């Protein structure tokens, strides 16, 4: 899949008041802005045109745009995030998406879906059941996707304490190959794929992104970086420590399409 565009959103000065389960301390907004700038530069280096939305201080988590929408070649889906404090973000992202698409469809209550729980692998979508994505949201999303000729399956991660979202533990690299956390590598849903297991101590790096001819991975995870380089991937290593403090990863920071 070739990507041409990305939508991102600048961290607001309220960023540190967002949702987090991390014990790594309060993030620096200034450092987060610098890391976000470098992230957008990396997207451009992958050949993407980057649409950077202004900060939305009333929504501290709004820089994590991936959770608010799912963009496929055939349909644009506005999600319904599982955290009530994030529900207002969907109108912001809807306005941005309508600059690219003429129509969107919505996940509606009582369904909830975070985009971080949705991993597209070519024509198939893995949908994570989590604290943020419920069964009704997954059912609605599956129905929308199937109506457009896609297939889907659910993966229950509610018992995995280290995984906030499904994509906290998997990333699709194309050619039936997944980067995957140890917690997920034994699940039947993934056994028809070639699995590149991330060392347990480097689980955060399972949230990497394959964009055109590069793989973006977070800085500080040398073992998985070496594994991916040995498979022939060109890596772009990015510092995203301030976003990690707020439970965010590389994929969370953009919508790529």
Protein backbone atom coordinates (compact mmCIF):
# COMPACT_ATOMS: atom_id res chain seq x y z
CA UNK A 1 0.00 0.00 0.00
CA UNK A 2 1.42 3.37 -1.02
CA UNK A 3 0.64 6.30 1.26
CA UNK A 4 0.43 9.85 -0.05
CA UNK A 5 -0.98 11.92 2.81
CA UNK A 6 -0.97 12.23 6.57
CA UNK A 7 -2.99 14.23 9.07
CA UNK A 8 -1.36 15.19 12.37
CA UNK A 9 -2.26 17.57 15.20
CA UNK A 10 0.13 19.69 17.23
CA UNK A 11 0.31 18.93 20.96
CA UNK A 12 -1.50 21.59 22.97
CA UNK A 13 -0.16 23.34 26.05
CA UNK A 14 -2.67 21.17 27.96
CA UNK A 15 -1.00 17.99 26.63
CA UNK A 16 0.28 16.90 30.04
CA UNK A 17 -3.29 16.84 31.40
CA UNK A 18 -4.30 14.03 29.06
CA UNK A 19 -5.03 10.40 29.89
CA UNK A 20 -2.13 8.18 30.92
CA UNK A 21 -1.32 5.05 32.89
CA UNK A 22 2.41 5.75 32.71
CA UNK A 23 4.59 6.34 35.76
CA UNK A 24 7.33 8.00 33.72
CA UNK A 25 6.52 11.53 34.85
CA UNK A 26 4.97 14.64 33.36
CA UNK A 27 5.85 15.33 29.72
CA UNK A 28 7.46 18.53 28.53
CA UNK A 29 5.24 20.26 25.99
CA UNK A 30 8.27 21.97 24.47
CA UNK A 31 10.05 18.66 23.95
CA UNK A 32 6.86 17.10 22.62
CA UNK A 33 6.54 19.88 20.05
CA UNK A 34 10.11 19.29 18.91
CA UNK A 35 9.56 15.55 18.68
CA UNK A 36 6.33 16.14 16.77
CA UNK A 37 8.15 18.41 14.30
CA UNK A 38 10.75 15.73 13.67
CA UNK A 39 7.98 13.15 13.29
CA UNK A 40 6.28 15.27 10.61
CA UNK A 41 9.63 15.71 8.87
CA UNK A 42 10.02 11.92 8.82
CA UNK A 43 6.59 11.51 7.25
CA UNK A 44 7.61 13.97 4.53
CA UNK A 45 10.83 12.03 4.00
CA UNK A 46 8.63 8.99 3.31
CA UNK A 47 6.96 10.94 0.51
CA UNK A 48 3.83 12.11 2.33
CA UNK A 49 2.13 15.48 2.25
CA UNK A 50 1.48 16.34 5.90
CA UNK A 51 -1.58 18.30 7.05
CA UNK A 52 -0.80 19.65 10.54
CA UNK A 53 -3.88 20.63 12.51
CA UNK A 54 -3.61 23.40 15.12
CA UNK A 55 -3.51 22.45 18.80
CA UNK A 56 -6.84 21.91 20.55
CA UNK A 57 -6.23 22.84 24.19
CA UNK A 58 -9.71 21.74 25.26
CA UNK A 59 -8.73 18.18 24.27
CA UNK A 60 -5.34 17.30 25.80
CA UNK A 61 -5.15 13.95 23.93
CA UNK A 62 -6.02 15.38 20.52
CA UNK A 63 -2.48 15.01 19.18
CA UNK A 64 -3.21 11.25 19.06
CA UNK A 65 -5.32 11.60 15.91
CA UNK A 66 -5.19 7.91 14.98
CA UNK A 67 -7.82 7.06 17.56
CA UNK A 68 -10.48 9.29 16.02
CA UNK A 69 -10.70 7.91 12.48
CA UNK A 70 -9.95 4.96 10.20
CA UNK A 71 -9.11 5.87 6.62
CA UNK A 72 -9.19 3.17 3.97
CA UNK A 73 -9.17 3.36 0.19
CA UNK A 74 -12.93 2.71 0.12
CA UNK A 75 -14.33 4.36 3.21
CA UNK A 76 -13.53 7.02 5.82
CA UNK A 77 -14.79 6.07 9.27
CA UNK A 78 -15.14 8.48 12.18
CA UNK A 79 -14.71 6.43 15.33
CA UNK A 80 -16.23 6.93 18.76
CA UNK A 81 -13.31 6.89 21.24
CA UNK A 82 -13.75 4.84 24.36
CA UNK A 83 -12.62 7.59 26.73
CA UNK A 84 -15.48 10.09 27.28
CA UNK A 85 -13.04 13.01 27.48
CA UNK A 86 -12.05 12.39 23.86
CA UNK A 87 -15.50 12.36 22.26
CA UNK A 88 -15.29 16.02 21.25
CA UNK A 89 -12.23 15.30 19.13
CA UNK A 90 -14.26 13.57 16.44
CA UNK A 91 -15.74 16.80 15.10
CA UNK A 92 -12.25 18.28 14.75
CA UNK A 93 -10.97 15.32 12.77
CA UNK A 94 -14.14 15.04 10.71
CA UNK A 95 -13.66 18.59 9.42
CA UNK A 96 -10.08 17.76 8.40
CA UNK A 97 -11.02 14.50 6.68
CA UNK A 98 -13.79 16.16 4.66
CA UNK A 99 -11.02 18.12 3.01
CA UNK A 100 -9.97 14.84 1.39
CA UNK A 101 -13.15 12.76 1.25
CA UNK A 102 -16.68 13.68 0.25
CA UNK A 103 -18.33 11.37 2.75
CA UNK A 104 -17.69 9.78 6.13
CA UNK A 105 -19.50 7.14 8.18
CA UNK A 106 -19.67 7.03 11.97
CA UNK A 107 -19.45 4.55 14.79
CA UNK A 108 -22.45 5.33 17.01
CA UNK A 109 -23.34 4.80 20.67
CA UNK A 110 -23.24 2.47 22.50
CA UNK A 111 -20.35 1.34 20.32
CA UNK A 112 -16.85 2.59 21.01
CA UNK A 113 -13.76 2.23 18.82
CA UNK A 114 -10.27 3.67 19.18
CA UNK A 115 -8.34 3.67 15.92
CA UNK A 116 -5.32 2.39 17.82
CA UNK A 117 -7.19 -0.91 18.14
CA UNK A 118 -7.49 -1.34 14.36
CA UNK A 119 -4.67 -2.80 12.29
CA UNK A 120 -5.09 -3.05 8.52
CA UNK A 121 -3.22 -5.89 6.82
CA UNK A 122 -3.99 -5.38 3.13
CA UNK A 123 -7.66 -6.35 2.69
CA UNK A 124 -8.05 -7.65 6.25
CA UNK A 125 -8.57 -5.68 9.46
CA UNK A 126 -7.68 -6.90 12.93
CA UNK A 127 -9.96 -5.22 15.49
CA UNK A 128 -8.82 -5.25 19.10
CA UNK A 129 -11.31 -5.58 21.93
CA UNK A 130 -9.89 -3.45 24.71
CA UNK A 131 -10.74 -0.98 27.46
CA UNK A 132 -11.38 1.56 24.67
CA UNK A 133 -13.02 -0.59 21.94
CA UNK A 134 -16.08 -2.58 22.92
CA UNK A 135 -17.87 -5.47 21.23
CA UNK A 136 -20.62 -3.26 19.79
CA UNK A 137 -18.08 -0.87 18.29
CA UNK A 138 -16.20 -3.80 16.77
CA UNK A 139 -19.46 -5.16 15.36
CA UNK A 140 -20.34 -1.84 13.73
CA UNK A 141 -16.84 -1.43 12.32
CA UNK A 142 -16.83 -4.97 10.95
CA UNK A 143 -20.18 -4.37 9.24
CA UNK A 144 -18.93 -1.15 7.63
CA UNK A 145 -15.77 -2.83 6.39
CA UNK A 146 -17.51 -5.95 5.09
CA UNK A 147 -19.96 -3.80 3.10
CA UNK A 148 -16.92 -2.38 1.27
CA UNK A 149 -15.40 -5.77 0.50
CA UNK A 150 -12.93 -6.03 3.38
CA UNK A 151 -12.63 -8.86 5.89
CA UNK A 152 -12.06 -8.51 9.62
CA UNK A 153 -11.51 -10.44 12.82
CA UNK A 154 -11.45 -9.48 16.49
CA UNK A 155 -8.57 -9.95 18.91
CA UNK A 156 -9.35 -9.71 22.62
CA UNK A 157 -6.52 -7.92 24.45
CA UNK A 158 -8.47 -7.04 27.60
CA UNK A 159 -6.31 -9.36 29.69
CA UNK A 160 -3.03 -7.90 28.48
CA UNK A 161 -1.86 -5.34 31.01
CA UNK A 162 0.96 -4.01 28.82
CA UNK A 163 -1.25 -3.31 25.80
CA UNK A 164 -3.52 -0.26 25.84
CA UNK A 165 -4.45 -0.83 22.19
CA UNK A 166 -4.03 -3.68 19.75
CA UNK A 167 -1.43 -1.66 17.86
CA UNK A 168 0.55 -1.33 21.07
CA UNK A 169 1.50 -4.90 20.22
CA UNK A 170 1.43 -5.34 16.43
CA UNK A 171 2.42 -3.53 13.26
CA UNK A 172 1.89 -4.68 9.68
CA UNK A 173 4.92 -4.49 7.39
CA UNK A 174 3.26 -5.76 4.22
CA UNK A 175 3.88 -9.09 2.47
CA UNK A 176 2.03 -11.03 5.21
CA UNK A 177 4.57 -9.98 7.85
CA UNK A 178 3.83 -8.61 11.32
CA UNK A 179 5.99 -7.13 14.03
CA UNK A 180 4.41 -8.55 17.17
CA UNK A 181 4.65 -8.49 20.96
CA UNK A 182 5.27 -11.77 22.80
CA UNK A 183 1.79 -11.53 24.36
CA UNK A 184 0.20 -11.85 20.93
CA UNK A 185 2.54 -14.07 18.96
CA UNK A 186 0.85 -17.32 19.97
CA UNK A 187 -2.69 -16.27 19.03
CA UNK A 188 -4.38 -18.20 16.23
CA UNK A 189 -5.42 -14.98 14.47
CA UNK A 190 -1.84 -14.32 13.42
CA UNK A 191 -0.57 -17.78 12.53
CA UNK A 192 -0.92 -17.36 8.76
CA UNK A 193 1.52 -14.42 8.93
CA UNK A 194 5.27 -14.31 9.23
CA UNK A 195 5.88 -12.99 12.73
CA UNK A 196 8.82 -10.87 13.84
CA UNK A 197 8.63 -11.04 17.62
CA UNK A 198 9.80 -8.02 19.58
CA UNK A 199 11.93 -8.81 22.65
CA UNK A 200 9.77 -8.50 25.75
CA UNK A 201 11.86 -5.63 27.16
CA UNK A 202 11.35 -3.68 23.91
CA UNK A 203 7.58 -4.13 23.61
CA UNK A 204 7.00 -0.40 23.09
CA UNK A 205 8.76 -0.71 19.72
CA UNK A 206 6.09 -3.12 18.48
CA UNK A 207 4.25 0.09 17.65
CA UNK A 208 6.27 0.94 14.57
CA UNK A 209 5.00 2.14 11.17
CA UNK A 210 5.74 0.87 7.68
CA UNK A 211 5.37 3.81 5.29
CA UNK A 212 6.26 3.28 1.65
CA UNK A 213 9.97 2.35 1.63
CA UNK A 214 10.76 2.96 5.31
CA UNK A 215 9.93 1.72 8.78
CA UNK A 216 9.64 4.32 11.52
CA UNK A 217 10.58 2.99 14.96
CA UNK A 218 11.03 4.68 18.34
CA UNK A 219 14.53 5.43 19.59
CA UNK A 220 16.02 3.30 22.33
CA UNK A 221 15.18 -0.22 21.12
CA UNK A 222 18.35 -1.57 19.50
CA UNK A 223 17.43 -5.25 19.40
CA UNK A 224 14.33 -4.93 17.24
CA UNK A 225 16.10 -2.28 15.17
CA UNK A 226 18.87 -4.76 14.40
CA UNK A 227 16.34 -7.49 13.57
CA UNK A 228 14.49 -5.24 11.13
CA UNK A 229 17.68 -4.01 9.50
CA UNK A 230 18.76 -7.63 9.03
CA UNK A 231 15.49 -8.18 7.11
CA UNK A 232 16.43 -5.40 4.72
CA UNK A 233 14.25 -2.58 6.05
CA UNK A 234 15.40 1.03 5.95
CA UNK A 235 14.72 2.47 9.39
CA UNK A 236 13.90 5.98 10.51
CA UNK A 237 14.52 6.12 14.26
CA UNK A 238 12.56 8.78 16.11
CA UNK A 239 12.57 10.03 19.68
CA UNK A 240 9.01 10.01 21.05
CA UNK A 241 9.67 9.74 24.79
CA UNK A 242 7.31 12.61 25.67
CA UNK A 243 4.45 10.85 23.91
CA UNK A 244 5.27 7.56 25.61
CA UNK A 245 4.67 9.33 28.95
CA UNK A 246 1.08 9.83 27.77
CA UNK A 247 0.58 6.23 26.55
CA UNK A 248 1.16 7.26 22.92
CA UNK A 249 3.29 5.72 20.22
CA UNK A 250 4.38 6.40 16.66
CA UNK A 251 1.22 5.25 14.94
CA UNK A 252 -0.99 7.28 17.29
CA UNK A 253 0.38 10.57 16.00
CA UNK A 254 -0.93 10.45 12.45
CA UNK A 255 -3.62 9.27 10.08
CA UNK A 256 -1.87 7.93 6.98
CA UNK A 257 -3.67 7.40 3.68
